[in-house]
Amino acid sequence: MSVVGNNRVGIPIVLLHDAEGAVITVETKRGELIRGLLFEAEDMMNLYLKKAVVLGPKPGAKRMVDQIYVRGTEIVFIVLPEMLRHAPMFNRITHWRKHGGAPPE
């Protein structure tokens, strides 16, 4: 069994799912910065944000949107909340490293 279970997704995707319900910032390939409440994250890194602020690539271009869908292939960088540093998933990783891949009891 892997660190993240049998669902075959990696650590970054699990961390992204754990961030659902928190405010995140996303940078896109077009140079936009989008900050909003992460409502849903898909395994392909497609994100659905609510109550978002979009800062356009041009200086001063700012708009508020009620909801926005960002395709995973358009994402360059994601800033997650600091609280995820203490996510339960990291306890599984520590256990996995310590016990050589043995499943937690």
PDB file of N, CA and C in Angstrom:
ATOM      1  N   MET A   1       0.844  -1.178   0.000  1.00  0.00           N
ATOM      2  CA  MET A   1       0.000   0.000   0.000  1.00  0.00           C
ATOM      3  C   MET A   1       0.887   1.237   0.000  1.00  0.00           C
ATOM      4  N   SER A   2       0.507   2.223  -0.792  1.00  0.00           N
ATOM      5  CA  SER A   2       1.295   3.451  -0.859  1.00  0.00           C
ATOM      6  C   SER A   2       0.961   4.358   0.324  1.00  0.00           C
ATOM      7  N   VAL A   3       1.690   5.428   0.416  1.00  0.00           N
ATOM      8  CA  VAL A   3       1.495   6.379   1.509  1.00  0.00           C
ATOM      9  C   VAL A   3       0.112   6.997   1.449  1.00  0.00           C
ATOM     10  N   VAL A   4      -0.378   7.248   0.258  1.00  0.00           N
ATOM     11  CA  VAL A   4      -1.657   7.942   0.108  1.00  0.00           C
ATOM     12  C   VAL A   4      -2.829   6.990  -0.087  1.00  0.00           C
ATOM     13  N   GLY A   5      -2.625   5.711   0.003  1.00  0.00           N
ATOM     14  CA  GLY A   5      -3.718   4.761  -0.099  1.00  0.00           C
ATOM     15  C   GLY A   5      -3.781   4.102  -1.465  1.00  0.00           C
ATOM     16  N   ASN A   6      -4.897   3.482  -1.745  1.00  0.00           N
ATOM     17  CA  ASN A   6      -5.059   2.729  -2.991  1.00  0.00           C
ATOM     18  C   ASN A   6      -5.690   3.544  -4.109  1.00  0.00           C
ATOM     19  N   ASN A   7      -5.920   4.830  -3.909  1.00  0.00           N
ATOM     20  CA  ASN A   7      -6.601   5.603  -4.937  1.00  0.00           C
ATOM     21  C   ASN A   7      -5.672   6.085  -6.046  1.00  0.00           C
ATOM     22  N   ARG A   8      -4.403   5.776  -5.980  1.00  0.00           N
ATOM     23  CA  ARG A   8      -3.429   5.999  -7.047  1.00  0.00           C
ATOM     24  C   ARG A   8      -3.198   7.468  -7.397  1.00  0.00           C
ATOM     25  N   VAL A   9      -3.415   8.363  -6.471  1.00  0.00           N
ATOM     26  CA  VAL A   9      -3.052   9.758  -6.693  1.00  0.00           C
ATOM     27  C   VAL A   9      -1.883  10.088  -5.791  1.00  0.00           C
ATOM     28  N   GLY A  10      -1.097  11.052  -6.196  1.00  0.00           N
ATOM     29  CA  GLY A  10       0.101  11.388  -5.450  1.00  0.00           C
ATOM     30  C   GLY A  10      -0.151  12.346  -4.305  1.00  0.00           C
ATOM     31  N   ILE A  11       0.914  12.634  -3.594  1.00  0.00           N
ATOM     32  CA  ILE A  11       0.851  13.499  -2.420  1.00  0.00           C
ATOM     33  C   ILE A  11       0.349  14.902  -2.765  1.00  0.00           C
ATOM     34  N   PRO A  12       0.816  15.541  -3.847  1.00  0.00           N
ATOM     35  CA  PRO A  12       0.300  16.885  -4.144  1.00  0.00           C
ATOM     36  C   PRO A  12      -1.217  16.925  -4.364  1.00  0.00           C
ATOM     37  N   ILE A  13      -1.750  15.894  -5.005  1.00  0.00           N
ATOM     38  CA  ILE A  13      -3.195  15.865  -5.256  1.00  0.00           C
ATOM     39  C   ILE A  13      -3.965  15.666  -3.961  1.00  0.00           C
ATOM     40  N   VAL A  14      -3.472  14.807  -3.085  1.00  0.00           N
ATOM     41  CA  VAL A  14      -4.120  14.601  -1.784  1.00  0.00           C
ATOM     42  C   VAL A  14      -4.092  15.897  -0.982  1.00  0.00           C
ATOM     43  N   LEU A  15      -2.976  16.592  -1.015  1.00  0.00           N
ATOM     44  CA  LEU A  15      -2.851  17.865  -0.320  1.00  0.00           C
ATOM     45  C   LEU A  15      -3.827  18.899  -0.889  1.00  0.00           C
ATOM     46  N   LEU A  16      -4.003  18.901  -2.197  1.00  0.00           N
ATOM     47  CA  LEU A  16      -4.942  19.810  -2.839  1.00  0.00           C
ATOM     48  C   LEU A  16      -6.375  19.507  -2.417  1.00  0.00           C
ATOM     49  N   HIS A  17      -6.723  18.220  -2.318  1.00  0.00           N
ATOM     50  CA  HIS A  17      -8.058  17.837  -1.846  1.00  0.00           C
ATOM     51  C   HIS A  17      -8.256  18.247  -0.382  1.00  0.00           C
ATOM     52  N   ASP A  18      -7.193  18.156   0.414  1.00  0.00           N
ATOM     53  CA  ASP A  18      -7.280  18.581   1.817  1.00  0.00           C
ATOM     54  C   ASP A  18      -7.502  20.088   1.939  1.00  0.00           C
ATOM     55  N   ALA A  19      -7.114  20.840   0.924  1.00  0.00           N
ATOM     56  CA  ALA A  19      -7.260  22.297   0.950  1.00  0.00           C
ATOM     57  C   ALA A  19      -8.664  22.761   0.578  1.00  0.00           C
ATOM     58  N   GLU A  20      -9.533  21.839   0.186  1.00  0.00           N
ATOM     59  CA  GLU A  20     -10.902  22.229  -0.167  1.00  0.00           C
ATOM     60  C   GLU A  20     -11.562  22.902   1.032  1.00  0.00           C
ATOM     61  N   GLY A  21     -12.173  24.050   0.782  1.00  0.00           N
ATOM     62  CA  GLY A  21     -12.799  24.821   1.839  1.00  0.00           C
ATOM     63  C   GLY A  21     -11.905  25.925   2.382  1.00  0.00           C
ATOM     64  N   ALA A  22     -10.694  26.022   1.870  1.00  0.00           N
ATOM     65  CA  ALA A  22      -9.756  27.055   2.314  1.00  0.00           C
ATOM     66  C   ALA A  22      -9.511  28.052   1.178  1.00  0.00           C
ATOM     67  N   VAL A  23      -8.971  29.192   1.531  1.00  0.00           N
ATOM     68  CA  VAL A  23      -8.639  30.212   0.541  1.00  0.00           C
ATOM     69  C   VAL A  23      -7.248  29.917  -0.032  1.00  0.00           C
ATOM     70  N   ILE A  24      -7.165  29.861  -1.361  1.00  0.00           N
ATOM     71  CA  ILE A  24      -5.895  29.586  -2.030  1.00  0.00           C
ATOM     72  C   ILE A  24      -5.631  30.660  -3.091  1.00  0.00           C
ATOM     73  N   THR A  25      -4.396  30.700  -3.567  1.00  0.00           N
ATOM     74  CA  THR A  25      -4.016  31.588  -4.656  1.00  0.00           C
ATOM     75  C   THR A  25      -3.447  30.740  -5.783  1.00  0.00           C
ATOM     76  N   VAL A  26      -3.877  31.031  -7.001  1.00  0.00           N
ATOM     77  CA  VAL A  26      -3.449  30.267  -8.174  1.00  0.00           C
ATOM     78  C   VAL A  26      -2.847  31.230  -9.190  1.00  0.00           C
ATOM     79  N   GLU A  27      -1.690  30.870  -9.743  1.00  0.00           N
ATOM     80  CA  GLU A  27      -1.112  31.634 -10.845  1.00  0.00           C
ATOM     81  C   GLU A  27      -1.304  30.825 -12.116  1.00  0.00           C
ATOM     82  N   THR A  28      -1.783  31.475 -13.172  1.00  0.00           N
ATOM     83  CA  THR A  28      -2.043  30.784 -14.433  1.00  0.00           C
ATOM     84  C   THR A  28      -0.951  31.094 -15.457  1.00  0.00           C
ATOM     85  N   LYS A  29      -0.962  30.347 -16.546  1.00  0.00           N
ATOM     86  CA  LYS A  29       0.002  30.549 -17.631  1.00  0.00           C
ATOM     87  C   LYS A  29      -0.130  31.935 -18.253  1.00  0.00           C
ATOM     88  N   ARG A  30      -1.328  32.498 -18.212  1.00  0.00           N
ATOM     89  CA  ARG A  30      -1.567  33.829 -18.787  1.00  0.00           C
ATOM     90  C   ARG A  30      -1.047  34.942 -17.888  1.00  0.00           C
ATOM     91  N   GLY A  31      -0.567  34.586 -16.694  1.00  0.00           N
ATOM     92  CA  GLY A  31      -0.045  35.589 -15.781  1.00  0.00           C
ATOM     93  C   GLY A  31      -1.070  36.120 -14.806  1.00  0.00           C
ATOM     94  N   GLU A  32      -2.249  35.542 -14.784  1.00  0.00           N
ATOM     95  CA  GLU A  32      -3.292  35.966 -13.854  1.00  0.00           C
ATOM     96  C   GLU A  32      -3.030  35.375 -12.474  1.00  0.00           C
ATOM     97  N   LEU A  33      -3.399  36.124 -11.452  1.00  0.00           N
ATOM     98  CA  LEU A  33      -3.408  35.615 -10.083  1.00  0.00           C
ATOM     99  C   LEU A  33      -4.865  35.533  -9.647  1.00  0.00           C
ATOM    100  N   ILE A  34      -5.264  34.361  -9.207  1.00  0.00           N
ATOM    101  CA  ILE A  34      -6.647  34.142  -8.788  1.00  0.00           C
ATOM    102  C   ILE A  34      -6.627  33.716  -7.327  1.00  0.00           C
ATOM    103  N   ARG A  35      -7.340  34.472  -6.493  1.00  0.00           N
ATOM    104  CA  ARG A  35      -7.425  34.147  -5.072  1.00  0.00           C
ATOM    105  C   ARG A  35      -8.887  33.964  -4.720  1.00  0.00           C
ATOM    106  N   GLY A  36      -9.191  32.776  -4.160  1.00  0.00           N
ATOM    107  CA  GLY A  36     -10.573  32.500  -3.818  1.00  0.00           C
ATOM    108  C   GLY A  36     -10.698  31.252  -2.958  1.00  0.00           C
ATOM    109  N   LEU A  37     -11.934  30.949  -2.625  1.00  0.00           N
ATOM    110  CA  LEU A  37     -12.253  29.789  -1.793  1.00  0.00           C
ATOM    111  C   LEU A  37     -12.277  28.547  -2.670  1.00  0.00           C
ATOM    112  N   LEU A  38     -11.414  27.589  -2.368  1.00  0.00           N
ATOM    113  CA  LEU A  38     -11.364  26.346  -3.143  1.00  0.00           C
ATOM    114  C   LEU A  38     -12.576  25.494  -2.792  1.00  0.00           C
ATOM    115  N   PHE A  39     -13.504  25.410  -3.733  1.00  0.00           N
ATOM    116  CA  PHE A  39     -14.724  24.647  -3.511  1.00  0.00           C
ATOM    117  C   PHE A  39     -14.523  23.176  -3.862  1.00  0.00           C
ATOM    118  N   GLU A  40     -13.825  22.936  -4.976  1.00  0.00           N
ATOM    119  CA  GLU A  40     -13.593  21.548  -5.393  1.00  0.00           C
ATOM    120  C   GLU A  40     -12.289  21.457  -6.176  1.00  0.00           C
ATOM    121  N   ALA A  41     -11.546  20.386  -5.942  1.00  0.00           N
ATOM    122  CA  ALA A  41     -10.327  20.092  -6.686  1.00  0.00           C
ATOM    123  C   ALA A  41     -10.462  18.698  -7.280  1.00  0.00           C
ATOM    124  N   GLU A  42     -10.142  18.578  -8.540  1.00  0.00           N
ATOM    125  CA  GLU A  42     -10.221  17.285  -9.214  1.00  0.00           C
ATOM    126  C   GLU A  42      -8.830  16.654  -9.289  1.00  0.00           C
ATOM    127  N   ASP A  43      -8.786  15.373  -9.575  1.00  0.00           N
ATOM    128  CA  ASP A  43      -7.509  14.656  -9.633  1.00  0.00           C
ATOM    129  C   ASP A  43      -6.598  15.148 -10.753  1.00  0.00           C
ATOM    130  N   MET A  44      -7.147  15.805 -11.754  1.00  0.00           N
ATOM    131  CA  MET A  44      -6.341  16.361 -12.844  1.00  0.00           C
ATOM    132  C   MET A  44      -5.951  17.817 -12.552  1.00  0.00           C
ATOM    133  N   MET A  45      -6.105  18.239 -11.307  1.00  0.00           N
ATOM    134  CA  MET A  45      -5.780  19.579 -10.814  1.00  0.00           C
ATOM    135  C   MET A  45      -6.703  20.667 -11.350  1.00  0.00           C
ATOM    136  N   ASN A  46      -7.846  20.291 -11.915  1.00  0.00           N
ATOM    137  CA  ASN A  46      -8.845  21.284 -12.275  1.00  0.00           C
ATOM    138  C   ASN A  46      -9.430  21.818 -10.973  1.00  0.00           C
ATOM    139  N   LEU A  47      -9.559  23.135 -10.864  1.00  0.00           N
ATOM    140  CA  LEU A  47     -10.004  23.755  -9.624  1.00  0.00           C
ATOM    141  C   LEU A  47     -11.274  24.553  -9.851  1.00  0.00           C
ATOM    142  N   TYR A  48     -12.173  24.484  -8.885  1.00  0.00           N
ATOM    143  CA  TYR A  48     -13.398  25.259  -8.900  1.00  0.00           C
ATOM    144  C   TYR A  48     -13.352  26.165  -7.676  1.00  0.00           C
ATOM    145  N   LEU A  49     -13.209  27.468  -7.896  1.00  0.00           N
ATOM    146  CA  LEU A  49     -13.106  28.429  -6.807  1.00  0.00           C
ATOM    147  C   LEU A  49     -14.349  29.306  -6.762  1.00  0.00           C
ATOM    148  N   LYS A  50     -14.724  29.708  -5.563  1.00  0.00           N
ATOM    149  CA  LYS A  50     -15.859  30.609  -5.364  1.00  0.00           C
ATOM    150  C   LYS A  50     -15.368  31.900  -4.722  1.00  0.00           C
ATOM    151  N   LYS A  51     -16.141  32.978  -4.949  1.00  0.00           N
ATOM    152  CA  LYS A  51     -15.840  34.304  -4.388  1.00  0.00           C
ATOM    153  C   LYS A  51     -14.382  34.671  -4.647  1.00  0.00           C
ATOM    154  N   ALA A  52     -13.997  34.653  -5.903  1.00  0.00           N
ATOM    155  CA  ALA A  52     -12.594  34.841  -6.278  1.00  0.00           C
ATOM    156  C   ALA A  52     -12.329  36.263  -6.759  1.00  0.00           C
ATOM    157  N   VAL A  53     -11.088  36.668  -6.584  1.00  0.00           N
ATOM    158  CA  VAL A  53     -10.579  37.922  -7.126  1.00  0.00           C
ATOM    159  C   VAL A  53      -9.534  37.549  -8.165  1.00  0.00           C
ATOM    160  N   VAL A  54      -9.705  38.067  -9.387  1.00  0.00           N
ATOM    161  CA  VAL A  54      -8.787  37.774 -10.477  1.00  0.00           C
ATOM    162  C   VAL A  54      -7.984  39.034 -10.767  1.00  0.00           C
ATOM    163  N   LEU A  55      -6.677  38.936 -10.591  1.00  0.00           N
ATOM    164  CA  LEU A  55      -5.773  40.033 -10.940  1.00  0.00           C
ATOM    165  C   LEU A  55      -5.192  39.709 -12.299  1.00  0.00           C
ATOM    166  N   GLY A  56      -5.543  40.511 -13.299  1.00  0.00           N
ATOM    167  CA  GLY A  56      -5.138  40.249 -14.670  1.00  0.00           C
ATOM    168  C   GLY A  56      -3.657  40.455 -14.891  1.00  0.00           C
ATOM    169  N   PRO A  57      -3.179  40.022 -16.047  1.00  0.00           N
ATOM    170  CA  PRO A  57      -1.756  40.173 -16.351  1.00  0.00           C
ATOM    171  C   PRO A  57      -1.349  41.644 -16.508  1.00  0.00           C
ATOM    172  N   LYS A  58      -2.308  42.506 -16.854  1.00  0.00           N
ATOM    173  CA  LYS A  58      -2.024  43.939 -16.972  1.00  0.00           C
ATOM    174  C   LYS A  58      -2.125  44.585 -15.597  1.00  0.00           C
ATOM    175  N   PRO A  59      -1.244  45.509 -15.288  1.00  0.00           N
ATOM    176  CA  PRO A  59      -1.300  46.186 -13.985  1.00  0.00           C
ATOM    177  C   PRO A  59      -2.638  46.902 -13.783  1.00  0.00           C
ATOM    178  N   GLY A  60      -3.218  46.712 -12.628  1.00  0.00           N
ATOM    179  CA  GLY A  60      -4.479  47.360 -12.294  1.00  0.00           C
ATOM    180  C   GLY A  60      -5.717  46.620 -12.758  1.00  0.00           C
ATOM    181  N   ALA A  61      -5.570  45.542 -13.513  1.00  0.00           N
ATOM    182  CA  ALA A  61      -6.724  44.768 -13.978  1.00  0.00           C
ATOM    183  C   ALA A  61      -7.171  43.834 -12.857  1.00  0.00           C
ATOM    184  N   LYS A  62      -8.272  44.207 -12.210  1.00  0.00           N
ATOM    185  CA  LYS A  62      -8.780  43.421 -11.077  1.00  0.00           C
ATOM    186  C   LYS A  62     -10.283  43.273 -11.230  1.00  0.00           C
ATOM    187  N   ARG A  63     -10.759  42.051 -11.043  1.00  0.00           N
ATOM    188  CA  ARG A  63     -12.204  41.829 -11.114  1.00  0.00           C
ATOM    189  C   ARG A  63     -12.612  40.772 -10.104  1.00  0.00           C
ATOM    190  N   MET A  64     -13.814  40.923  -9.611  1.00  0.00           N
ATOM    191  CA  MET A  64     -14.394  39.962  -8.673  1.00  0.00           C
ATOM    192  C   MET A  64     -15.313  39.030  -9.466  1.00  0.00           C
ATOM    193  N   VAL A  65     -15.191  37.737  -9.202  1.00  0.00           N
ATOM    194  CA  VAL A  65     -16.081  36.768  -9.841  1.00  0.00           C
ATOM    195  C   VAL A  65     -16.707  35.907  -8.763  1.00  0.00           C
ATOM    196  N   ASP A  66     -17.950  35.532  -8.990  1.00  0.00           N
ATOM    197  CA  ASP A  66     -18.668  34.708  -8.017  1.00  0.00           C
ATOM    198  C   ASP A  66     -18.110  33.285  -7.992  1.00  0.00           C
ATOM    199  N   GLN A  67     -17.767  32.779  -9.175  1.00  0.00           N
ATOM    200  CA  GLN A  67     -17.178  31.445  -9.276  1.00  0.00           C
ATOM    201  C   GLN A  67     -16.305  31.382 -10.512  1.00  0.00           C
ATOM    202  N   ILE A  68     -15.296  30.528 -10.463  1.00  0.00           N
ATOM    203  CA  ILE A  68     -14.382  30.378 -11.601  1.00  0.00           C
ATOM    204  C   ILE A  68     -13.862  28.942 -11.623  1.00  0.00           C
ATOM    205  N   TYR A  69     -13.695  28.425 -12.825  1.00  0.00           N
ATOM    206  CA  TYR A  69     -13.163  27.079 -13.032  1.00  0.00           C
ATOM    207  C   TYR A  69     -11.820  27.230 -13.723  1.00  0.00           C
ATOM    208  N   VAL A  70     -10.775  26.703 -13.121  1.00  0.00           N
ATOM    209  CA  VAL A  70      -9.430  26.805 -13.686  1.00  0.00           C
ATOM    210  C   VAL A  70      -8.989  25.406 -14.098  1.00  0.00           C
ATOM    211  N   ARG A  71      -8.668  25.262 -15.351  1.00  0.00           N
ATOM    212  CA  ARG A  71      -8.228  23.965 -15.860  1.00  0.00           C
ATOM    213  C   ARG A  71      -6.812  23.672 -15.364  1.00  0.00           C
ATOM    214  N   GLY A  72      -6.553  22.449 -14.993  1.00  0.00           N
ATOM    215  CA  GLY A  72      -5.274  22.056 -14.423  1.00  0.00           C
ATOM    216  C   GLY A  72      -4.077  22.329 -15.307  1.00  0.00           C
ATOM    217  N   THR A  73      -4.255  22.235 -16.628  1.00  0.00           N
ATOM    218  CA  THR A  73      -3.140  22.468 -17.546  1.00  0.00           C
ATOM    219  C   THR A  73      -2.758  23.941 -17.623  1.00  0.00           C
ATOM    220  N   GLU A  74      -3.615  24.835 -17.135  1.00  0.00           N
ATOM    221  CA  GLU A  74      -3.343  26.273 -17.172  1.00  0.00           C
ATOM    222  C   GLU A  74      -2.659  26.768 -15.899  1.00  0.00           C
ATOM    223  N   ILE A  75      -2.501  25.894 -14.910  1.00  0.00           N
ATOM    224  CA  ILE A  75      -1.964  26.297 -13.608  1.00  0.00           C
ATOM    225  C   ILE A  75      -0.435  26.222 -13.622  1.00  0.00           C
ATOM    226  N   VAL A  76       0.187  27.286 -13.118  1.00  0.00           N
ATOM    227  CA  VAL A  76       1.639  27.327 -12.993  1.00  0.00           C
ATOM    228  C   VAL A  76       2.044  27.090 -11.541  1.00  0.00           C
ATOM    229  N   PHE A  77       1.311  27.709 -10.619  1.00  0.00           N
ATOM    230  CA  PHE A  77       1.713  27.697  -9.216  1.00  0.00           C
ATOM    231  C   PHE A  77       0.472  27.826  -8.336  1.00  0.00           C
ATOM    232  N   ILE A  78       0.466  27.129  -7.201  1.00  0.00           N
ATOM    233  CA  ILE A  78      -0.645  27.213  -6.247  1.00  0.00           C
ATOM    234  C   ILE A  78      -0.076  27.508  -4.863  1.00  0.00           C
ATOM    235  N   VAL A  79      -0.652  28.492  -4.195  1.00  0.00           N
ATOM    236  CA  VAL A  79      -0.268  28.809  -2.822  1.00  0.00           C
ATOM    237  C   VAL A  79      -1.372  28.275  -1.913  1.00  0.00           C
ATOM    238  N   LEU A  80      -1.007  27.339  -1.042  1.00  0.00           N
ATOM    239  CA  LEU A  80      -1.959  26.714  -0.124  1.00  0.00           C
ATOM    240  C   LEU A  80      -1.823  27.325   1.270  1.00  0.00           C
ATOM    241  N   PRO A  81      -2.856  27.185   2.102  1.00  0.00           N
ATOM    242  CA  PRO A  81      -2.780  27.733   3.457  1.00  0.00           C
ATOM    243  C   PRO A  81      -1.718  27.041   4.310  1.00  0.00           C
ATOM    244  N   GLU A  82      -1.155  27.783   5.232  1.00  0.00           N
ATOM    245  CA  GLU A  82      -0.110  27.282   6.131  1.00  0.00           C
ATOM    246  C   GLU A  82      -0.621  26.151   7.024  1.00  0.00           C
ATOM    247  N   MET A  83      -1.926  26.141   7.310  1.00  0.00           N
ATOM    248  CA  MET A  83      -2.492  25.128   8.211  1.00  0.00           C
ATOM    249  C   MET A  83      -2.319  23.707   7.675  1.00  0.00           C
ATOM    250  N   LEU A  84      -2.124  23.553   6.368  1.00  0.00           N
ATOM    251  CA  LEU A  84      -1.973  22.213   5.793  1.00  0.00           C
ATOM    252  C   LEU A  84      -0.634  21.577   6.134  1.00  0.00           C
ATOM    253  N   ARG A  85       0.250  22.348   6.728  1.00  0.00           N
ATOM    254  CA  ARG A  85       1.528  21.795   7.175  1.00  0.00           C
ATOM    255  C   ARG A  85       1.297  20.665   8.190  1.00  0.00           C
ATOM    256  N   HIS A  86       0.191  20.738   8.913  1.00  0.00           N
ATOM    257  CA  HIS A  86      -0.127  19.744   9.947  1.00  0.00           C
ATOM    258  C   HIS A  86      -1.194  18.755   9.477  1.00  0.00           C
ATOM    259  N   ALA A  87      -1.309  18.563   8.173  1.00  0.00           N
ATOM    260  CA  ALA A  87      -2.307  17.639   7.623  1.00  0.00           C
ATOM    261  C   ALA A  87      -2.002  16.208   8.073  1.00  0.00           C
ATOM    262  N   PRO A  88      -3.045  15.404   8.328  1.00  0.00           N
ATOM    263  CA  PRO A  88      -2.848  14.014   8.772  1.00  0.00           C
ATOM    264  C   PRO A  88      -2.065  13.163   7.774  1.00  0.00           C
ATOM    265  N   MET A  89      -2.088  13.547   6.519  1.00  0.00           N
ATOM    266  CA  MET A  89      -1.367  12.784   5.503  1.00  0.00           C
ATOM    267  C   MET A  89       0.129  12.727   5.808  1.00  0.00           C
ATOM    268  N   PHE A  90       0.684  13.794   6.381  1.00  0.00           N
ATOM    269  CA  PHE A  90       2.110  13.813   6.672  1.00  0.00           C
ATOM    270  C   PHE A  90       2.472  12.856   7.798  1.00  0.00           C
ATOM    271  N   ASN A  91       1.544  12.558   8.689  1.00  0.00           N
ATOM    272  CA  ASN A  91       1.784  11.545   9.722  1.00  0.00           C
ATOM    273  C   ASN A  91       1.929  10.168   9.081  1.00  0.00           C
ATOM    274  N   ARG A  92       1.142   9.905   8.035  1.00  0.00           N
ATOM    275  CA  ARG A  92       1.255   8.626   7.328  1.00  0.00           C
ATOM    276  C   ARG A  92       2.600   8.510   6.634  1.00  0.00           C
ATOM    277  N   ILE A  93       3.095   9.616   6.083  1.00  0.00           N
ATOM    278  CA  ILE A  93       4.393   9.593   5.398  1.00  0.00           C
ATOM    279  C   ILE A  93       5.508   9.300   6.396  1.00  0.00           C
ATOM    280  N   THR A  94       5.450   9.953   7.561  1.00  0.00           N
ATOM    281  CA  THR A  94       6.457   9.719   8.602  1.00  0.00           C
ATOM    282  C   THR A  94       6.445   8.263   9.027  1.00  0.00           C
ATOM    283  N   HIS A  95       5.246   7.709   9.234  1.00  0.00           N
ATOM    284  CA  HIS A  95       5.107   6.307   9.628  1.00  0.00           C
ATOM    285  C   HIS A  95       5.643   5.392   8.530  1.00  0.00           C
ATOM    286  N   TRP A  96       5.331   5.698   7.289  1.00  0.00           N
ATOM    287  CA  TRP A  96       5.756   4.896   6.151  1.00  0.00           C
ATOM    288  C   TRP A  96       7.276   4.863   6.049  1.00  0.00           C
ATOM    289  N   ARG A  97       7.914   6.016   6.226  1.00  0.00           N
ATOM    290  CA  ARG A  97       9.380   6.065   6.166  1.00  0.00           C
ATOM    291  C   ARG A  97      10.012   5.313   7.333  1.00  0.00           C
ATOM    292  N   LYS A  98       9.426   5.455   8.505  1.00  0.00           N
ATOM    293  CA  LYS A  98       9.987   4.830   9.707  1.00  0.00           C
ATOM    294  C   LYS A  98       9.880   3.313   9.663  1.00  0.00           C
ATOM    295  N   HIS A  99       8.761   2.794   9.137  1.00  0.00           N
ATOM    296  CA  HIS A  99       8.507   1.365   9.168  1.00  0.00           C
ATOM    297  C   HIS A  99       8.664   0.688   7.811  1.00  0.00           C
ATOM    298  N   GLY A 100       9.297   1.340   6.883  1.00  0.00           N
ATOM    299  CA  GLY A 100       9.618   0.716   5.602  1.00  0.00           C
ATOM    300  C   GLY A 100       8.422   0.305   4.766  1.00  0.00           C
ATOM    301  N   GLY A 101       7.368   1.083   4.781  1.00  0.00           N
ATOM    302  CA  GLY A 101       6.208   0.794   3.949  1.00  0.00           C
ATOM    303  C   GLY A 101       5.153  -0.056   4.589  1.00  0.00           C
ATOM    304  N   ALA A 102       5.342  -0.432   5.866  1.00  0.00           N
ATOM    305  CA  ALA A 102       4.319  -1.218   6.549  1.00  0.00           C
ATOM    306  C   ALA A 102       3.095  -0.350   6.783  1.00  0.00           C
ATOM    307  N   PRO A 103       1.884  -0.898   6.567  1.00  0.00           N
ATOM    308  CA  PRO A 103       0.676  -0.088   6.769  1.00  0.00           C
ATOM    309  C   PRO A 103       0.510   0.307   8.232  1.00  0.00           C
ATOM    310  N   PRO A 104      -0.049   1.493   8.486  1.00  0.00           N
ATOM    311  CA  PRO A 104      -0.283   1.914   9.881  1.00  0.00           C
ATOM    312  C   PRO A 104      -1.267   0.984  10.569  1.00  0.00           C
ATOM    313  N   GLU A 105      -1.103   0.831  11.842  1.00  0.00           N
ATOM    314  CA  GLU A 105      -1.977  -0.072  12.612  1.00  0.00           C
ATOM    315  C   GLU A 105      -3.170   0.669  13.146  1.00  0.00           C
TER     316      GLU A 105
END
